[in-house]
């Protein structure tokens, strides 16, 4: 697993009033270098963090064991614990935008 001194997660959420759906975009940087971006994906609340986790996992910064416990992804649980326990290594920001093109 690759090591990172600092991980930045920047998310945007947009609510589609017509159909009542929420979408997000996310950009992930490791040590100041952008390693991935999801331009638009369905998901509300903190779903952008799950998308960021998938980017980090695919780039080798988080474990990819595939283990599940009680229907929950153990790798994602580990990642949330890392974010909670090492807040100095993570910057997470999110903003709600008014227009789809602002994602």
N, C-alpha and C. Protein backbone atom coordinates (compact mmCIF):
# COMPACT_ATOMS: atom_id res chain seq x y z
N UNK A 1 0.85 -1.18 0.00
CA UNK A 1 0.00 0.00 0.00
C UNK A 1 0.89 1.24 0.00
N UNK A 2 0.57 2.20 -0.86
CA UNK A 2 1.33 3.44 -0.97
C UNK A 2 1.08 4.32 0.25
N UNK A 3 2.08 5.12 0.61
CA UNK A 3 1.97 6.04 1.73
C UNK A 3 1.69 7.45 1.22
N UNK A 4 0.95 8.21 2.00
CA UNK A 4 0.64 9.60 1.66
C UNK A 4 0.79 10.45 2.91
N UNK A 5 1.41 11.62 2.76
CA UNK A 5 1.51 12.54 3.89
C UNK A 5 0.21 13.31 4.09
N UNK A 6 -0.42 13.67 2.97
CA UNK A 6 -1.66 14.43 3.06
C UNK A 6 -2.60 14.05 1.92
N UNK A 7 -3.87 13.89 2.25
CA UNK A 7 -4.90 13.56 1.26
C UNK A 7 -5.98 14.64 1.32
N UNK A 8 -6.30 15.20 0.16
CA UNK A 8 -7.32 16.23 0.06
C UNK A 8 -8.49 15.70 -0.76
N UNK A 9 -9.69 15.84 -0.21
CA UNK A 9 -10.91 15.41 -0.88
C UNK A 9 -11.81 16.64 -1.02
N UNK A 10 -12.12 17.00 -2.26
CA UNK A 10 -12.98 18.16 -2.51
C UNK A 10 -14.23 17.68 -3.25
N UNK A 11 -15.37 17.83 -2.61
CA UNK A 11 -16.62 17.37 -3.18
C UNK A 11 -17.58 18.50 -3.46
N UNK A 12 -18.45 18.27 -4.43
CA UNK A 12 -19.55 19.19 -4.75
C UNK A 12 -20.82 18.35 -4.88
N UNK A 13 -21.93 18.90 -4.37
CA UNK A 13 -23.23 18.23 -4.49
C UNK A 13 -24.21 19.15 -5.20
N UNK A 14 -25.04 18.53 -6.02
CA UNK A 14 -26.08 19.27 -6.74
C UNK A 14 -27.39 18.51 -6.63
N UNK A 15 -28.44 19.23 -6.26
CA UNK A 15 -29.77 18.65 -6.13
C UNK A 15 -30.57 18.98 -7.38
N UNK A 16 -31.01 17.95 -8.08
CA UNK A 16 -31.82 18.11 -9.29
C UNK A 16 -33.28 18.24 -8.86
N UNK A 17 -33.79 19.45 -8.84
CA UNK A 17 -35.14 19.70 -8.32
C UNK A 17 -36.22 19.01 -9.13
N UNK A 18 -36.04 18.92 -10.44
CA UNK A 18 -37.07 18.34 -11.32
C UNK A 18 -37.43 16.92 -10.91
N UNK A 19 -36.42 16.09 -10.67
CA UNK A 19 -36.66 14.68 -10.36
C UNK A 19 -36.32 14.31 -8.92
N UNK A 20 -35.80 15.24 -8.17
CA UNK A 20 -35.50 15.00 -6.77
C UNK A 20 -34.27 14.14 -6.53
N UNK A 21 -33.32 14.14 -7.46
CA UNK A 21 -32.10 13.36 -7.32
C UNK A 21 -30.93 14.24 -6.89
N UNK A 22 -29.97 13.65 -6.21
CA UNK A 22 -28.77 14.36 -5.82
C UNK A 22 -27.57 13.71 -6.50
N UNK A 23 -26.68 14.55 -7.01
CA UNK A 23 -25.47 14.10 -7.69
C UNK A 23 -24.27 14.76 -7.01
N UNK A 24 -23.11 14.17 -7.23
CA UNK A 24 -21.89 14.74 -6.66
C UNK A 24 -20.73 14.60 -7.64
N UNK A 25 -19.71 15.40 -7.39
CA UNK A 25 -18.43 15.24 -8.07
C UNK A 25 -17.38 15.28 -6.97
N UNK A 26 -16.21 14.72 -7.25
CA UNK A 26 -15.15 14.72 -6.25
C UNK A 26 -13.80 14.74 -6.94
N UNK A 27 -12.86 15.46 -6.34
CA UNK A 27 -11.47 15.49 -6.79
C UNK A 27 -10.61 15.08 -5.61
N UNK A 28 -9.67 14.17 -5.86
CA UNK A 28 -8.79 13.67 -4.81
C UNK A 28 -7.34 14.02 -5.15
N UNK A 29 -6.65 14.62 -4.18
CA UNK A 29 -5.23 14.94 -4.33
C UNK A 29 -4.44 14.25 -3.23
N UNK A 30 -3.27 13.76 -3.58
CA UNK A 30 -2.35 13.16 -2.61
C UNK A 30 -1.06 13.95 -2.67
N UNK A 31 -0.67 14.50 -1.54
CA UNK A 31 0.55 15.31 -1.43
C UNK A 31 0.60 16.39 -2.51
N UNK A 32 -0.55 17.03 -2.76
CA UNK A 32 -0.63 18.15 -3.69
C UNK A 32 -0.80 17.79 -5.15
N UNK A 33 -0.87 16.50 -5.48
CA UNK A 33 -1.01 16.05 -6.86
C UNK A 33 -2.38 15.39 -7.04
N UNK A 34 -3.15 15.88 -8.01
CA UNK A 34 -4.47 15.29 -8.28
C UNK A 34 -4.27 13.87 -8.82
N UNK A 35 -4.91 12.90 -8.15
CA UNK A 35 -4.79 11.50 -8.59
C UNK A 35 -6.08 10.98 -9.20
N UNK A 36 -7.18 11.72 -9.04
CA UNK A 36 -8.44 11.24 -9.60
C UNK A 36 -9.56 12.25 -9.45
N UNK A 37 -10.54 12.09 -10.34
CA UNK A 37 -11.69 12.99 -10.36
C UNK A 37 -12.91 12.22 -10.87
N UNK A 38 -14.01 12.37 -10.18
CA UNK A 38 -15.29 11.84 -10.65
C UNK A 38 -16.12 13.06 -11.03
N UNK A 39 -16.42 13.26 -12.32
CA UNK A 39 -17.11 14.48 -12.74
C UNK A 39 -18.58 14.57 -12.33
N UNK A 40 -19.28 13.44 -12.30
CA UNK A 40 -20.69 13.46 -11.89
C UNK A 40 -21.13 12.03 -11.60
N UNK A 41 -21.66 11.85 -10.41
CA UNK A 41 -22.15 10.52 -10.01
C UNK A 41 -23.38 10.71 -9.13
N UNK A 42 -24.28 9.74 -9.17
CA UNK A 42 -25.47 9.77 -8.32
C UNK A 42 -25.05 9.48 -6.89
N UNK A 43 -25.63 10.20 -5.96
CA UNK A 43 -25.36 9.93 -4.55
C UNK A 43 -25.51 11.18 -3.72
N UNK A 44 -26.13 11.04 -2.58
CA UNK A 44 -26.40 12.18 -1.70
C UNK A 44 -25.58 12.07 -0.43
N UNK A 45 -25.68 13.07 0.42
CA UNK A 45 -24.97 13.06 1.70
C UNK A 45 -23.46 13.00 1.51
N UNK A 46 -22.83 12.03 2.18
CA UNK A 46 -21.38 11.88 2.12
C UNK A 46 -20.93 10.88 1.06
N UNK A 47 -21.75 10.63 0.07
CA UNK A 47 -21.41 9.67 -0.98
C UNK A 47 -20.13 10.06 -1.71
N UNK A 48 -19.82 11.33 -1.76
CA UNK A 48 -18.58 11.77 -2.40
C UNK A 48 -17.35 11.19 -1.70
N UNK A 49 -17.46 10.92 -0.41
CA UNK A 49 -16.34 10.30 0.32
C UNK A 49 -16.14 8.86 -0.15
N UNK A 50 -17.23 8.16 -0.38
CA UNK A 50 -17.13 6.79 -0.91
C UNK A 50 -16.48 6.82 -2.30
N UNK A 51 -16.84 7.78 -3.12
CA UNK A 51 -16.22 7.90 -4.45
C UNK A 51 -14.73 8.20 -4.32
N UNK A 52 -14.37 9.07 -3.37
CA UNK A 52 -12.95 9.38 -3.13
C UNK A 52 -12.21 8.14 -2.65
N UNK A 53 -12.83 7.37 -1.77
CA UNK A 53 -12.23 6.13 -1.29
C UNK A 53 -11.93 5.19 -2.45
N UNK A 54 -12.87 5.06 -3.39
CA UNK A 54 -12.67 4.18 -4.54
C UNK A 54 -11.50 4.64 -5.40
N UNK A 55 -11.34 5.95 -5.56
CA UNK A 55 -10.18 6.47 -6.30
C UNK A 55 -8.90 6.09 -5.56
N UNK A 56 -8.86 6.35 -4.26
CA UNK A 56 -7.67 6.04 -3.46
C UNK A 56 -7.36 4.54 -3.47
N UNK A 57 -8.40 3.73 -3.42
CA UNK A 57 -8.22 2.28 -3.44
C UNK A 57 -7.66 1.81 -4.77
N UNK A 58 -8.19 2.34 -5.86
CA UNK A 58 -7.71 1.96 -7.19
C UNK A 58 -6.28 2.42 -7.45
N UNK A 59 -5.85 3.49 -6.78
CA UNK A 59 -4.48 3.99 -6.93
C UNK A 59 -3.51 3.37 -5.92
N UNK A 60 -4.02 2.52 -5.03
CA UNK A 60 -3.15 1.80 -4.10
C UNK A 60 -2.88 2.48 -2.78
N UNK A 61 -3.68 3.50 -2.41
CA UNK A 61 -3.47 4.21 -1.15
C UNK A 61 -4.29 3.66 0.01
N UNK A 62 -5.22 2.79 -0.28
CA UNK A 62 -6.03 2.14 0.76
C UNK A 62 -6.09 0.64 0.46
N UNK A 63 -6.34 -0.18 1.47
CA UNK A 63 -6.36 -1.63 1.24
C UNK A 63 -7.48 -2.06 0.29
N UNK A 64 -7.24 -3.17 -0.36
CA UNK A 64 -8.25 -3.73 -1.27
C UNK A 64 -8.35 -5.24 -0.98
N UNK A 65 -8.91 -5.55 0.20
CA UNK A 65 -9.01 -6.95 0.60
C UNK A 65 -10.30 -7.60 0.12
N UNK A 66 -11.35 -6.79 -0.03
CA UNK A 66 -12.64 -7.34 -0.43
C UNK A 66 -13.40 -7.96 0.73
N UNK A 67 -12.86 -7.86 1.94
CA UNK A 67 -13.53 -8.43 3.11
C UNK A 67 -14.82 -7.67 3.43
N UNK A 68 -15.82 -8.42 3.86
CA UNK A 68 -17.11 -7.85 4.26
C UNK A 68 -17.50 -8.44 5.60
N UNK A 69 -18.11 -7.62 6.43
CA UNK A 69 -18.60 -8.08 7.73
C UNK A 69 -19.98 -7.48 7.93
N UNK A 70 -20.96 -8.34 8.14
CA UNK A 70 -22.35 -7.90 8.31
C UNK A 70 -22.82 -7.04 7.13
N UNK A 71 -22.35 -7.39 5.94
CA UNK A 71 -22.76 -6.67 4.74
C UNK A 71 -22.03 -5.37 4.49
N UNK A 72 -21.06 -5.04 5.33
CA UNK A 72 -20.35 -3.77 5.21
C UNK A 72 -18.93 -4.01 4.72
N UNK A 73 -18.46 -3.17 3.84
CA UNK A 73 -17.11 -3.25 3.28
C UNK A 73 -16.08 -2.90 4.37
N UNK A 74 -15.26 -3.86 4.76
CA UNK A 74 -14.26 -3.64 5.82
C UNK A 74 -13.19 -2.64 5.39
N UNK A 75 -12.85 -2.60 4.11
CA UNK A 75 -11.85 -1.66 3.63
C UNK A 75 -12.35 -0.22 3.78
N UNK A 76 -13.60 0.01 3.48
CA UNK A 76 -14.18 1.35 3.63
C UNK A 76 -14.26 1.73 5.11
N UNK A 77 -14.60 0.77 5.94
CA UNK A 77 -14.63 1.01 7.38
C UNK A 77 -13.25 1.42 7.89
N UNK A 78 -12.21 0.73 7.40
CA UNK A 78 -10.83 1.07 7.77
C UNK A 78 -10.52 2.50 7.36
N UNK A 79 -10.92 2.87 6.13
CA UNK A 79 -10.66 4.21 5.60
C UNK A 79 -11.34 5.28 6.46
N UNK A 80 -12.59 5.07 6.83
CA UNK A 80 -13.30 6.03 7.69
C UNK A 80 -12.60 6.17 9.03
N UNK A 81 -12.09 5.06 9.56
CA UNK A 81 -11.32 5.11 10.80
C UNK A 81 -10.04 5.91 10.66
N UNK A 82 -9.35 5.75 9.53
CA UNK A 82 -8.14 6.53 9.25
C UNK A 82 -8.46 8.02 9.20
N UNK A 83 -9.55 8.37 8.53
CA UNK A 83 -9.95 9.77 8.44
C UNK A 83 -10.26 10.34 9.82
N UNK A 84 -10.90 9.55 10.66
CA UNK A 84 -11.26 9.99 12.00
C UNK A 84 -10.03 10.11 12.91
N UNK A 85 -9.15 9.13 12.83
CA UNK A 85 -8.01 9.06 13.74
C UNK A 85 -6.82 9.91 13.33
N UNK A 86 -6.74 10.27 12.06
CA UNK A 86 -5.59 11.03 11.55
C UNK A 86 -6.07 12.28 10.81
N UNK A 87 -6.82 13.09 11.50
CA UNK A 87 -7.42 14.28 10.89
C UNK A 87 -6.38 15.25 10.34
N UNK A 88 -5.18 15.22 10.88
CA UNK A 88 -4.12 16.10 10.39
C UNK A 88 -3.66 15.71 8.99
N UNK A 89 -3.92 14.49 8.56
CA UNK A 89 -3.50 14.01 7.24
C UNK A 89 -4.58 14.17 6.18
N UNK A 90 -5.78 14.55 6.57
CA UNK A 90 -6.90 14.64 5.63
C UNK A 90 -7.52 16.04 5.64
N UNK A 91 -7.82 16.54 4.46
CA UNK A 91 -8.62 17.75 4.31
C UNK A 91 -9.83 17.35 3.48
N UNK A 92 -11.02 17.52 4.05
CA UNK A 92 -12.25 17.16 3.35
C UNK A 92 -13.15 18.39 3.32
N UNK A 93 -13.49 18.80 2.10
CA UNK A 93 -14.40 19.93 1.94
C UNK A 93 -15.51 19.54 0.96
N UNK A 94 -16.67 20.09 1.20
CA UNK A 94 -17.79 19.84 0.30
C UNK A 94 -18.62 21.12 0.22
N UNK A 95 -19.17 21.35 -0.96
CA UNK A 95 -20.06 22.48 -1.12
C UNK A 95 -21.25 22.07 -1.96
N UNK A 96 -22.38 22.65 -1.65
CA UNK A 96 -23.60 22.42 -2.43
C UNK A 96 -23.67 23.49 -3.49
N UNK A 97 -23.84 23.08 -4.74
CA UNK A 97 -23.88 24.01 -5.84
C UNK A 97 -25.30 24.10 -6.41
N UNK A 98 -25.59 25.24 -7.03
CA UNK A 98 -26.95 25.48 -7.52
C UNK A 98 -27.20 24.92 -8.91
N UNK A 99 -26.14 24.76 -9.70
CA UNK A 99 -26.29 24.35 -11.08
C UNK A 99 -25.48 23.09 -11.38
N UNK A 100 -25.98 22.28 -12.28
CA UNK A 100 -25.29 21.04 -12.67
C UNK A 100 -23.90 21.36 -13.22
N UNK A 101 -23.79 22.40 -13.99
CA UNK A 101 -22.50 22.71 -14.61
C UNK A 101 -21.45 23.15 -13.58
N UNK A 102 -21.87 23.40 -12.34
CA UNK A 102 -20.93 23.77 -11.29
C UNK A 102 -20.32 22.55 -10.57
N UNK A 103 -20.77 21.35 -10.96
CA UNK A 103 -20.22 20.14 -10.34
C UNK A 103 -18.78 20.02 -10.63
